[in-house]
Amino acid sequence: MNKLLIVDDSEFDRRMLASALRRNCIDIEIIELADGRDVVKTMRLKSPKLTVLDIRMPSMSGWDVLDDIKADGRLSNHNVVMMSGSYSNQDTELAVTKGADAFYTKPHSLIDYGKIANNMKTAFIDRI
């Protein structure tokens, strides 16, 4: 079973993405965290195939979490997708610079969450 970690302070956004992924991926376990403090520890314990990080979270930003993941020798090659409500080209460029595998702007509809989930499935889950 493929495991996927979703880290977002918005329960609504976590649930929407998780629901869309479950509809698109038959063999998947979704792990959810509301902040970035325990991401590296959770990744080491649960070994997800993909981590989806929100950028703007209290306590620890997604950027800081991404830095910690990439600095950890055991996790540095792990697939990480950044997801944010931001439409800023600077955020997209920073995601690439910091080593994220993709950047998605949070959608506003269930249909668009489904499109992102399908893209993640094709780009990351099916090929892992």
C-alpha atoms as a PDB file:
ATOM      1  CA  MET A   1       0.000   0.000   0.000  1.00  0.00           C
ATOM      2  CA  ASN A   2       1.303   3.433  -0.952  1.00  0.00           C
ATOM      3  CA  LYS A   3       1.425   5.984   1.853  1.00  0.00           C
ATOM      4  CA  LEU A   4       1.026   9.690   1.277  1.00  0.00           C
ATOM      5  CA  LEU A   5       1.582  12.448   3.850  1.00  0.00           C
ATOM      6  CA  ILE A   6      -0.486  15.646   3.680  1.00  0.00           C
ATOM      7  CA  VAL A   7       0.696  18.526   5.871  1.00  0.00           C
ATOM      8  CA  ASP A   8      -1.628  21.514   6.032  1.00  0.00           C
ATOM      9  CA  ASP A   9      -3.020  23.607   8.884  1.00  0.00           C
ATOM     10  CA  SER A  10      -6.375  23.747   7.085  1.00  0.00           C
ATOM     11  CA  GLU A  11      -8.443  20.677   7.900  1.00  0.00           C
ATOM     12  CA  PHE A  12     -10.715  21.521   4.960  1.00  0.00           C
ATOM     13  CA  ASP A  13      -7.819  21.477   2.479  1.00  0.00           C
ATOM     14  CA  ARG A  14      -6.391  18.241   3.930  1.00  0.00           C
ATOM     15  CA  ARG A  15      -9.779  16.541   3.697  1.00  0.00           C
ATOM     16  CA  MET A  16     -10.489  17.777   0.167  1.00  0.00           C
ATOM     17  CA  LEU A  17      -7.129  16.563  -1.144  1.00  0.00           C
ATOM     18  CA  ALA A  18      -7.335  13.286   0.768  1.00  0.00           C
ATOM     19  CA  SER A  19     -10.827  12.628  -0.562  1.00  0.00           C
ATOM     20  CA  ALA A  20      -9.766  13.367  -4.144  1.00  0.00           C
ATOM     21  CA  LEU A  21      -6.701  11.130  -3.809  1.00  0.00           C
ATOM     22  CA  ARG A  22      -8.746   8.253  -2.399  1.00  0.00           C
ATOM     23  CA  ARG A  23     -11.093   8.469  -5.389  1.00  0.00           C
ATOM     24  CA  ASN A  24      -8.132   8.394  -7.818  1.00  0.00           C
ATOM     25  CA  CYS A  25      -5.862   5.882  -6.056  1.00  0.00           C
ATOM     26  CA  ILE A  26      -7.132   2.473  -5.026  1.00  0.00           C
ATOM     27  CA  ASP A  27      -4.202   1.354  -2.896  1.00  0.00           C
ATOM     28  CA  ILE A  28      -3.354   4.395  -0.759  1.00  0.00           C
ATOM     29  CA  GLU A  29      -3.058   5.277   2.913  1.00  0.00           C
ATOM     30  CA  ILE A  30      -3.300   8.981   3.729  1.00  0.00           C
ATOM     31  CA  ILE A  31      -1.493  10.351   6.771  1.00  0.00           C
ATOM     32  CA  GLU A  32      -2.496  13.879   7.816  1.00  0.00           C
ATOM     33  CA  LEU A  33      -0.632  16.420   9.945  1.00  0.00           C
ATOM     34  CA  ALA A  34      -1.870  19.894  10.862  1.00  0.00           C
ATOM     35  CA  ASP A  35       1.568  21.486  11.185  1.00  0.00           C
ATOM     36  CA  GLY A  36       5.174  20.977  10.207  1.00  0.00           C
ATOM     37  CA  ARG A  37       6.736  20.191  13.572  1.00  0.00           C
ATOM     38  CA  ASP A  38       6.542  16.379  13.306  1.00  0.00           C
ATOM     39  CA  VAL A  39       6.944  15.911   9.560  1.00  0.00           C
ATOM     40  CA  VAL A  40      10.490  14.530   9.515  1.00  0.00           C
ATOM     41  CA  LYS A  41       9.760  12.223  12.462  1.00  0.00           C
ATOM     42  CA  THR A  42       6.541  11.007  10.795  1.00  0.00           C
ATOM     43  CA  MET A  43       8.332  10.460   7.496  1.00  0.00           C
ATOM     44  CA  ARG A  44      10.970   8.321   9.192  1.00  0.00           C
ATOM     45  CA  LEU A  45       8.332   6.251  11.016  1.00  0.00           C
ATOM     46  CA  LYS A  46       5.726   5.881   8.256  1.00  0.00           C
ATOM     47  CA  SER A  47       7.878   6.035   5.062  1.00  0.00           C
ATOM     48  CA  PRO A  48       5.366   7.806   2.803  1.00  0.00           C
ATOM     49  CA  LYS A  49       6.004   7.719  -0.945  1.00  0.00           C
ATOM     50  CA  LEU A  50       5.004  11.371  -1.353  1.00  0.00           C
ATOM     51  CA  THR A  51       4.639  14.357   0.964  1.00  0.00           C
ATOM     52  CA  VAL A  52       2.366  17.305   0.175  1.00  0.00           C
ATOM     53  CA  LEU A  53       3.305  20.455   2.119  1.00  0.00           C
ATOM     54  CA  ASP A  54       1.343  23.644   2.592  1.00  0.00           C
ATOM     55  CA  ILE A  55       3.630  26.676   2.571  1.00  0.00           C
ATOM     56  CA  ARG A  56       2.012  28.964   5.116  1.00  0.00           C
ATOM     57  CA  MET A  57       1.442  27.233   8.426  1.00  0.00           C
ATOM     58  CA  PRO A  58       1.785  28.380  12.025  1.00  0.00           C
ATOM     59  CA  SER A  59       4.723  27.124  14.061  1.00  0.00           C
ATOM     60  CA  MET A  60       6.787  25.993  11.063  1.00  0.00           C
ATOM     61  CA  SER A  61       6.435  26.974   7.418  1.00  0.00           C
ATOM     62  CA  GLY A  62       6.418  24.484   4.590  1.00  0.00           C
ATOM     63  CA  TRP A  63       9.650  26.080   3.377  1.00  0.00           C
ATOM     64  CA  ASP A  64      11.345  25.244   6.693  1.00  0.00           C
ATOM     65  CA  VAL A  65       9.965  21.706   6.594  1.00  0.00           C
ATOM     66  CA  LEU A  66      11.234  21.266   3.021  1.00  0.00           C
ATOM     67  CA  ASP A  67      14.683  22.467   4.123  1.00  0.00           C
ATOM     68  CA  ASP A  68      14.687  19.913   6.962  1.00  0.00           C
ATOM     69  CA  ILE A  69      13.639  17.103   4.607  1.00  0.00           C
ATOM     70  CA  LYS A  70      16.326  17.949   2.048  1.00  0.00           C
ATOM     71  CA  ALA A  71      18.972  18.269   4.786  1.00  0.00           C
ATOM     72  CA  ASP A  72      18.226  14.783   6.126  1.00  0.00           C
ATOM     73  CA  GLY A  73      20.385  12.245   4.321  1.00  0.00           C
ATOM     74  CA  ARG A  74      17.731   9.508   4.623  1.00  0.00           C
ATOM     75  CA  LEU A  75      14.977  11.721   3.229  1.00  0.00           C
ATOM     76  CA  SER A  76      16.746  14.032   0.784  1.00  0.00           C
ATOM     77  CA  ASN A  77      15.527  12.125  -2.311  1.00  0.00           C
ATOM     78  CA  HIS A  78      11.944  11.900  -1.068  1.00  0.00           C
ATOM     79  CA  ASN A  79       9.253  13.315  -3.381  1.00  0.00           C
ATOM     80  CA  VAL A  80       7.804  16.549  -1.991  1.00  0.00           C
ATOM     81  CA  VAL A  81       5.005  18.601  -3.514  1.00  0.00           C
ATOM     82  CA  MET A  82       4.339  22.132  -2.299  1.00  0.00           C
ATOM     83  CA  MET A  83       0.732  23.305  -2.251  1.00  0.00           C
ATOM     84  CA  SER A  84      -0.443  26.802  -1.399  1.00  0.00           C
ATOM     85  CA  GLY A  85      -3.178  29.334  -1.923  1.00  0.00           C
ATOM     86  CA  SER A  86      -0.489  31.514  -3.471  1.00  0.00           C
ATOM     87  CA  TYR A  87      -0.486  32.414  -7.146  1.00  0.00           C
ATOM     88  CA  SER A  88       2.968  34.000  -6.841  1.00  0.00           C
ATOM     89  CA  ASN A  89       5.588  33.051  -9.410  1.00  0.00           C
ATOM     90  CA  GLN A  90       8.149  33.642  -6.645  1.00  0.00           C
ATOM     91  CA  ASP A  91       6.660  30.785  -4.604  1.00  0.00           C
ATOM     92  CA  THR A  92       6.750  28.479  -7.618  1.00  0.00           C
ATOM     93  CA  GLU A  93      10.375  29.394  -8.328  1.00  0.00           C
ATOM     94  CA  LEU A  94      11.362  29.021  -4.665  1.00  0.00           C
ATOM     95  CA  ALA A  95       9.772  25.577  -4.539  1.00  0.00           C
ATOM     96  CA  VAL A  96      11.919  24.449  -7.467  1.00  0.00           C
ATOM     97  CA  THR A  97      15.042  26.097  -6.036  1.00  0.00           C
ATOM     98  CA  LYS A  98      14.567  24.388  -2.671  1.00  0.00           C
ATOM     99  CA  GLY A  99      14.138  20.977  -4.307  1.00  0.00           C
ATOM    100  CA  ALA A 100      10.377  20.418  -4.374  1.00  0.00           C
ATOM    101  CA  ASP A 101       9.210  18.120  -7.138  1.00  0.00           C
ATOM    102  CA  ALA A 102       6.125  20.185  -7.969  1.00  0.00           C
ATOM    103  CA  PHE A 103       4.070  23.195  -6.911  1.00  0.00           C
ATOM    104  CA  TYR A 104       0.273  23.364  -6.992  1.00  0.00           C
ATOM    105  CA  THR A 105      -1.996  26.279  -6.190  1.00  0.00           C
ATOM    106  CA  LYS A 106      -4.859  25.170  -3.945  1.00  0.00           C
ATOM    107  CA  PRO A 107      -8.000  24.834  -6.022  1.00  0.00           C
ATOM    108  CA  HIS A 108     -11.432  26.217  -5.249  1.00  0.00           C
ATOM    109  CA  SER A 109     -13.566  23.266  -6.310  1.00  0.00           C
ATOM    110  CA  LEU A 110     -13.822  19.538  -5.756  1.00  0.00           C
ATOM    111  CA  ILE A 111     -13.398  18.999  -9.501  1.00  0.00           C
ATOM    112  CA  ASP A 112     -10.087  20.858  -9.437  1.00  0.00           C
ATOM    113  CA  TYR A 113      -8.916  18.895  -6.382  1.00  0.00           C
ATOM    114  CA  GLY A 114      -9.666  15.792  -8.453  1.00  0.00           C
ATOM    115  CA  LYS A 115      -7.517  17.093 -11.313  1.00  0.00           C
ATOM    116  CA  ILE A 116      -4.605  17.729  -8.941  1.00  0.00           C
ATOM    117  CA  ALA A 117      -5.042  14.292  -7.350  1.00  0.00           C
ATOM    118  CA  ASN A 118      -5.031  12.659 -10.764  1.00  0.00           C
ATOM    119  CA  ASN A 119      -1.895  14.592 -11.705  1.00  0.00           C
ATOM    120  CA  MET A 120      -0.162  13.528  -8.454  1.00  0.00           C
ATOM    121  CA  LYS A 121      -1.204   9.934  -9.093  1.00  0.00           C
ATOM    122  CA  THR A 122       0.242   9.966 -12.594  1.00  0.00           C
ATOM    123  CA  ALA A 123       3.389  11.948 -11.802  1.00  0.00           C
ATOM    124  CA  PHE A 124       4.326  10.419  -8.457  1.00  0.00           C
ATOM    125  CA  ILE A 125       2.235   7.575  -7.043  1.00  0.00           C
ATOM    126  CA  ASP A 126       1.996   5.348 -10.116  1.00  0.00           C
ATOM    127  CA  ARG A 127       5.694   5.633 -10.921  1.00  0.00           C
ATOM    128  CA  ILE A 128       7.011   4.997  -7.408  1.00  0.00           C
END
